[in-house]
Amino acid sequence: MKKSKSLYRDYRLPAAVINCAVRSYFRFQLRLLDIEELLFERGVVVSYETILRSCDKLGPSFAHREPGTIWHPGEVFVTLHGEPYQLWRAVDQ
């Protein structure tokens, strides 16, 4: 019988904190800096770059674990002042 590897094995923070950050980003459409500030108010020091990497890595698996509905992380490519940007947001079924 194979043991499945945890999604959180490379993180220094507990899974509950990571889930809170990823859920806040996709579900409530908060900015990364807002999430960083909310976590800092609760005593967790983490950069917005770390939150972004967590969202990129855990977003698809997190979307399939939401109870009741299925959320898909959607990406949109936009160009502002000649610079390309990639935006991620949660999209309902």
N, C-alpha and C. Protein backbone atom coordinates (compact mmCIF):
# COMPACT_ATOMS: atom_id res chain seq x y z
N MET A 1 0.84 -1.17 0.00
CA MET A 1 0.00 0.00 0.00
C MET A 1 0.89 1.24 0.00
N LYS A 2 0.67 2.15 -0.95
CA LYS A 2 1.47 3.36 -1.06
C LYS A 2 0.93 4.45 -0.15
N LYS A 3 1.84 5.16 0.47
CA LYS A 3 1.45 6.31 1.27
C LYS A 3 1.45 7.53 0.36
N SER A 4 0.37 8.29 0.38
CA SER A 4 0.34 9.50 -0.43
C SER A 4 1.09 10.61 0.29
N LYS A 5 1.83 11.37 -0.46
CA LYS A 5 2.60 12.46 0.12
C LYS A 5 1.68 13.64 0.41
N SER A 6 1.92 14.30 1.51
CA SER A 6 1.13 15.45 1.90
C SER A 6 1.44 16.62 0.98
N LEU A 7 0.42 17.41 0.66
CA LEU A 7 0.62 18.61 -0.14
C LEU A 7 1.42 19.67 0.61
N TYR A 8 1.44 19.57 1.92
CA TYR A 8 2.04 20.59 2.76
C TYR A 8 3.43 20.21 3.27
N ARG A 9 4.07 19.20 2.73
CA ARG A 9 5.32 18.68 3.26
C ARG A 9 6.48 19.66 3.14
N ASP A 10 6.44 20.59 2.19
CA ASP A 10 7.55 21.52 2.00
C ASP A 10 7.33 22.88 2.66
N TYR A 11 6.27 23.01 3.43
CA TYR A 11 5.93 24.29 4.03
C TYR A 11 6.32 24.31 5.51
N ARG A 12 6.72 25.49 5.99
CA ARG A 12 7.07 25.64 7.39
C ARG A 12 5.85 25.98 8.24
N LEU A 13 4.77 26.42 7.61
CA LEU A 13 3.55 26.80 8.32
C LEU A 13 2.60 25.62 8.43
N PRO A 14 1.74 25.62 9.45
CA PRO A 14 0.75 24.55 9.56
C PRO A 14 -0.24 24.57 8.40
N ALA A 15 -0.83 23.44 8.12
CA ALA A 15 -1.77 23.31 7.00
C ALA A 15 -2.97 24.25 7.17
N ALA A 16 -3.41 24.49 8.40
CA ALA A 16 -4.56 25.35 8.63
C ALA A 16 -4.28 26.79 8.18
N VAL A 17 -3.07 27.27 8.40
CA VAL A 17 -2.71 28.63 7.99
C VAL A 17 -2.63 28.72 6.46
N ILE A 18 -2.05 27.71 5.85
CA ILE A 18 -1.95 27.69 4.39
C ILE A 18 -3.33 27.63 3.76
N ASN A 19 -4.20 26.79 4.30
CA ASN A 19 -5.57 26.70 3.79
C ASN A 19 -6.30 28.02 3.92
N CYS A 20 -6.11 28.70 5.03
CA CYS A 20 -6.74 30.00 5.25
C CYS A 20 -6.30 31.01 4.19
N ALA A 21 -5.01 31.05 3.90
CA ALA A 21 -4.48 31.99 2.92
C ALA A 21 -4.98 31.67 1.51
N VAL A 22 -4.91 30.41 1.12
CA VAL A 22 -5.35 30.01 -0.22
C VAL A 22 -6.84 30.23 -0.39
N ARG A 23 -7.61 29.88 0.62
CA ARG A 23 -9.07 30.06 0.55
C ARG A 23 -9.42 31.54 0.47
N SER A 24 -8.73 32.38 1.22
CA SER A 24 -9.01 33.82 1.19
C SER A 24 -8.71 34.39 -0.19
N TYR A 25 -7.67 33.92 -0.82
CA TYR A 25 -7.31 34.43 -2.13
C TYR A 25 -8.32 34.03 -3.20
N PHE A 26 -8.69 32.77 -3.23
CA PHE A 26 -9.59 32.31 -4.29
C PHE A 26 -11.06 32.59 -3.99
N ARG A 27 -11.49 32.37 -2.77
CA ARG A 27 -12.91 32.48 -2.46
C ARG A 27 -13.36 33.92 -2.26
N PHE A 28 -12.57 34.72 -1.56
CA PHE A 28 -13.00 36.07 -1.22
C PHE A 28 -12.32 37.13 -2.08
N GLN A 29 -11.48 36.72 -3.01
CA GLN A 29 -10.82 37.59 -3.97
C GLN A 29 -10.05 38.72 -3.28
N LEU A 30 -9.35 38.38 -2.21
CA LEU A 30 -8.51 39.36 -1.53
C LEU A 30 -7.17 39.46 -2.26
N ARG A 31 -6.57 40.63 -2.19
CA ARG A 31 -5.24 40.80 -2.76
C ARG A 31 -4.22 40.07 -1.90
N LEU A 32 -3.09 39.73 -2.49
CA LEU A 32 -2.04 39.02 -1.75
C LEU A 32 -1.53 39.86 -0.58
N LEU A 33 -1.42 41.17 -0.77
CA LEU A 33 -0.95 42.03 0.32
C LEU A 33 -1.98 42.10 1.45
N ASP A 34 -3.27 42.02 1.10
CA ASP A 34 -4.31 42.00 2.14
C ASP A 34 -4.21 40.72 2.97
N ILE A 35 -3.98 39.61 2.31
CA ILE A 35 -3.85 38.34 3.02
C ILE A 35 -2.61 38.36 3.90
N GLU A 36 -1.51 38.90 3.38
CA GLU A 36 -0.29 39.02 4.17
C GLU A 36 -0.55 39.84 5.44
N GLU A 37 -1.28 40.93 5.30
CA GLU A 37 -1.59 41.78 6.45
C GLU A 37 -2.51 41.08 7.45
N LEU A 38 -3.51 40.36 6.95
CA LEU A 38 -4.43 39.64 7.84
C LEU A 38 -3.68 38.57 8.64
N LEU A 39 -2.79 37.86 7.99
CA LEU A 39 -2.01 36.84 8.69
C LEU A 39 -1.05 37.47 9.69
N PHE A 40 -0.47 38.63 9.32
CA PHE A 40 0.43 39.31 10.24
C PHE A 40 -0.29 39.76 11.51
N GLU A 41 -1.54 40.20 11.36
CA GLU A 41 -2.33 40.60 12.52
C GLU A 41 -2.59 39.43 13.46
N ARG A 42 -2.51 38.22 12.93
CA ARG A 42 -2.73 37.02 13.74
C ARG A 42 -1.40 36.38 14.18
N GLY A 43 -0.30 37.08 13.94
CA GLY A 43 1.00 36.61 14.41
C GLY A 43 1.76 35.73 13.45
N VAL A 44 1.32 35.65 12.20
CA VAL A 44 2.00 34.82 11.20
C VAL A 44 2.76 35.74 10.24
N VAL A 45 4.06 35.60 10.20
CA VAL A 45 4.87 36.43 9.30
C VAL A 45 5.16 35.62 8.05
N VAL A 46 4.61 36.07 6.94
CA VAL A 46 4.77 35.40 5.65
C VAL A 46 4.70 36.46 4.57
N SER A 47 5.47 36.30 3.50
CA SER A 47 5.46 37.28 2.42
C SER A 47 4.36 36.96 1.41
N TYR A 48 3.99 37.97 0.65
CA TYR A 48 2.96 37.75 -0.36
C TYR A 48 3.46 36.84 -1.48
N GLU A 49 4.79 36.80 -1.70
CA GLU A 49 5.32 35.88 -2.71
C GLU A 49 5.11 34.43 -2.30
N THR A 50 5.25 34.16 -1.01
CA THR A 50 5.01 32.80 -0.51
C THR A 50 3.55 32.43 -0.66
N ILE A 51 2.67 33.38 -0.40
CA ILE A 51 1.23 33.13 -0.56
C ILE A 51 0.91 32.85 -2.01
N LEU A 52 1.52 33.61 -2.92
CA LEU A 52 1.29 33.40 -4.35
C LEU A 52 1.75 32.02 -4.79
N ARG A 53 2.95 31.61 -4.35
CA ARG A 53 3.44 30.27 -4.70
C ARG A 53 2.53 29.18 -4.14
N SER A 54 2.02 29.39 -2.94
CA SER A 54 1.10 28.42 -2.34
C SER A 54 -0.19 28.33 -3.14
N CYS A 55 -0.70 29.47 -3.57
CA CYS A 55 -1.93 29.48 -4.37
C CYS A 55 -1.72 28.81 -5.71
N ASP A 56 -0.57 29.06 -6.34
CA ASP A 56 -0.29 28.41 -7.62
C ASP A 56 -0.17 26.90 -7.48
N LYS A 57 0.47 26.45 -6.41
CA LYS A 57 0.70 25.02 -6.22
C LYS A 57 -0.55 24.30 -5.72
N LEU A 58 -1.27 24.91 -4.78
CA LEU A 58 -2.38 24.23 -4.13
C LEU A 58 -3.75 24.59 -4.69
N GLY A 59 -3.82 25.58 -5.55
CA GLY A 59 -5.11 26.04 -6.07
C GLY A 59 -5.96 24.96 -6.71
N PRO A 60 -5.42 24.22 -7.68
CA PRO A 60 -6.25 23.19 -8.31
C PRO A 60 -6.71 22.09 -7.35
N SER A 61 -5.82 21.63 -6.46
CA SER A 61 -6.24 20.59 -5.53
C SER A 61 -7.21 21.14 -4.49
N PHE A 62 -7.04 22.40 -4.12
CA PHE A 62 -7.94 23.03 -3.17
C PHE A 62 -9.33 23.19 -3.77
N ALA A 63 -9.41 23.48 -5.06
CA ALA A 63 -10.70 23.68 -5.71
C ALA A 63 -11.54 22.41 -5.71
N HIS A 64 -10.89 21.26 -5.78
CA HIS A 64 -11.64 20.00 -5.82
C HIS A 64 -12.05 19.51 -4.44
N ARG A 65 -11.51 20.11 -3.37
CA ARG A 65 -11.85 19.66 -2.02
C ARG A 65 -12.94 20.49 -1.37
N GLU A 66 -13.40 21.56 -2.00
CA GLU A 66 -14.45 22.37 -1.41
C GLU A 66 -15.74 21.55 -1.32
N PRO A 67 -16.35 21.49 -0.15
CA PRO A 67 -17.58 20.70 -0.02
C PRO A 67 -18.76 21.36 -0.71
N GLY A 68 -19.55 20.56 -1.39
CA GLY A 68 -20.79 21.04 -1.97
C GLY A 68 -20.68 21.54 -3.40
N THR A 69 -19.71 22.35 -3.69
CA THR A 69 -19.56 22.90 -5.04
C THR A 69 -18.14 22.68 -5.52
N ILE A 70 -17.96 22.85 -6.79
CA ILE A 70 -16.63 22.72 -7.38
C ILE A 70 -16.20 24.11 -7.84
N TRP A 71 -15.04 24.54 -7.38
CA TRP A 71 -14.47 25.81 -7.78
C TRP A 71 -13.26 25.54 -8.66
N HIS A 72 -13.16 26.28 -9.73
CA HIS A 72 -12.04 26.14 -10.64
C HIS A 72 -11.22 27.43 -10.62
N PRO A 73 -9.93 27.33 -10.35
CA PRO A 73 -9.14 28.54 -10.45
C PRO A 73 -9.00 28.92 -11.91
N GLY A 74 -9.46 30.10 -12.27
CA GLY A 74 -9.40 30.55 -13.65
C GLY A 74 -8.31 31.58 -13.83
N GLU A 75 -7.72 31.59 -14.99
CA GLU A 75 -6.67 32.56 -15.26
C GLU A 75 -7.06 33.41 -16.45
N VAL A 76 -6.67 34.67 -16.38
CA VAL A 76 -6.95 35.62 -17.44
C VAL A 76 -5.65 36.36 -17.73
N PHE A 77 -5.36 36.54 -18.99
CA PHE A 77 -4.18 37.28 -19.40
C PHE A 77 -4.63 38.65 -19.90
N VAL A 78 -4.09 39.70 -19.31
CA VAL A 78 -4.42 41.06 -19.72
C VAL A 78 -3.13 41.82 -19.98
N THR A 79 -3.24 42.90 -20.75
CA THR A 79 -2.10 43.74 -21.04
C THR A 79 -2.42 45.16 -20.56
N LEU A 80 -1.58 45.69 -19.68
CA LEU A 80 -1.74 47.04 -19.17
C LEU A 80 -0.47 47.81 -19.47
N HIS A 81 -0.63 48.91 -20.20
CA HIS A 81 0.51 49.75 -20.57
C HIS A 81 1.60 48.93 -21.26
N GLY A 82 1.19 47.99 -22.08
CA GLY A 82 2.15 47.18 -22.83
C GLY A 82 2.78 46.04 -22.07
N GLU A 83 2.44 45.88 -20.79
CA GLU A 83 2.99 44.80 -19.96
C GLU A 83 1.96 43.68 -19.80
N PRO A 84 2.32 42.44 -20.10
CA PRO A 84 1.37 41.32 -19.91
C PRO A 84 1.29 40.92 -18.44
N TYR A 85 0.07 40.64 -17.97
CA TYR A 85 -0.17 40.19 -16.60
C TYR A 85 -1.05 38.96 -16.64
N GLN A 86 -0.84 38.09 -15.67
CA GLN A 86 -1.66 36.89 -15.52
C GLN A 86 -2.45 37.03 -14.23
N LEU A 87 -3.77 36.96 -14.30
CA LEU A 87 -4.62 37.11 -13.14
C LEU A 87 -5.30 35.78 -12.84
N TRP A 88 -5.38 35.43 -11.54
CA TRP A 88 -6.03 34.19 -11.11
C TRP A 88 -7.20 34.54 -10.20
N ARG A 89 -8.33 33.91 -10.42
CA ARG A 89 -9.49 34.05 -9.57
C ARG A 89 -10.28 32.74 -9.58
N ALA A 90 -11.07 32.56 -8.55
CA ALA A 90 -11.90 31.36 -8.49
C ALA A 90 -13.15 31.56 -9.35
N VAL A 91 -13.51 30.53 -10.07
CA VAL A 91 -14.68 30.55 -10.92
C VAL A 91 -15.60 29.43 -10.47
N ASP A 92 -16.87 29.76 -10.23
CA ASP A 92 -17.83 28.75 -9.81
C ASP A 92 -18.15 27.81 -10.95
N GLN A 93 -18.83 26.72 -10.63
CA GLN A 93 -19.19 25.70 -11.61
C GLN A 93 -19.73 26.33 -12.87
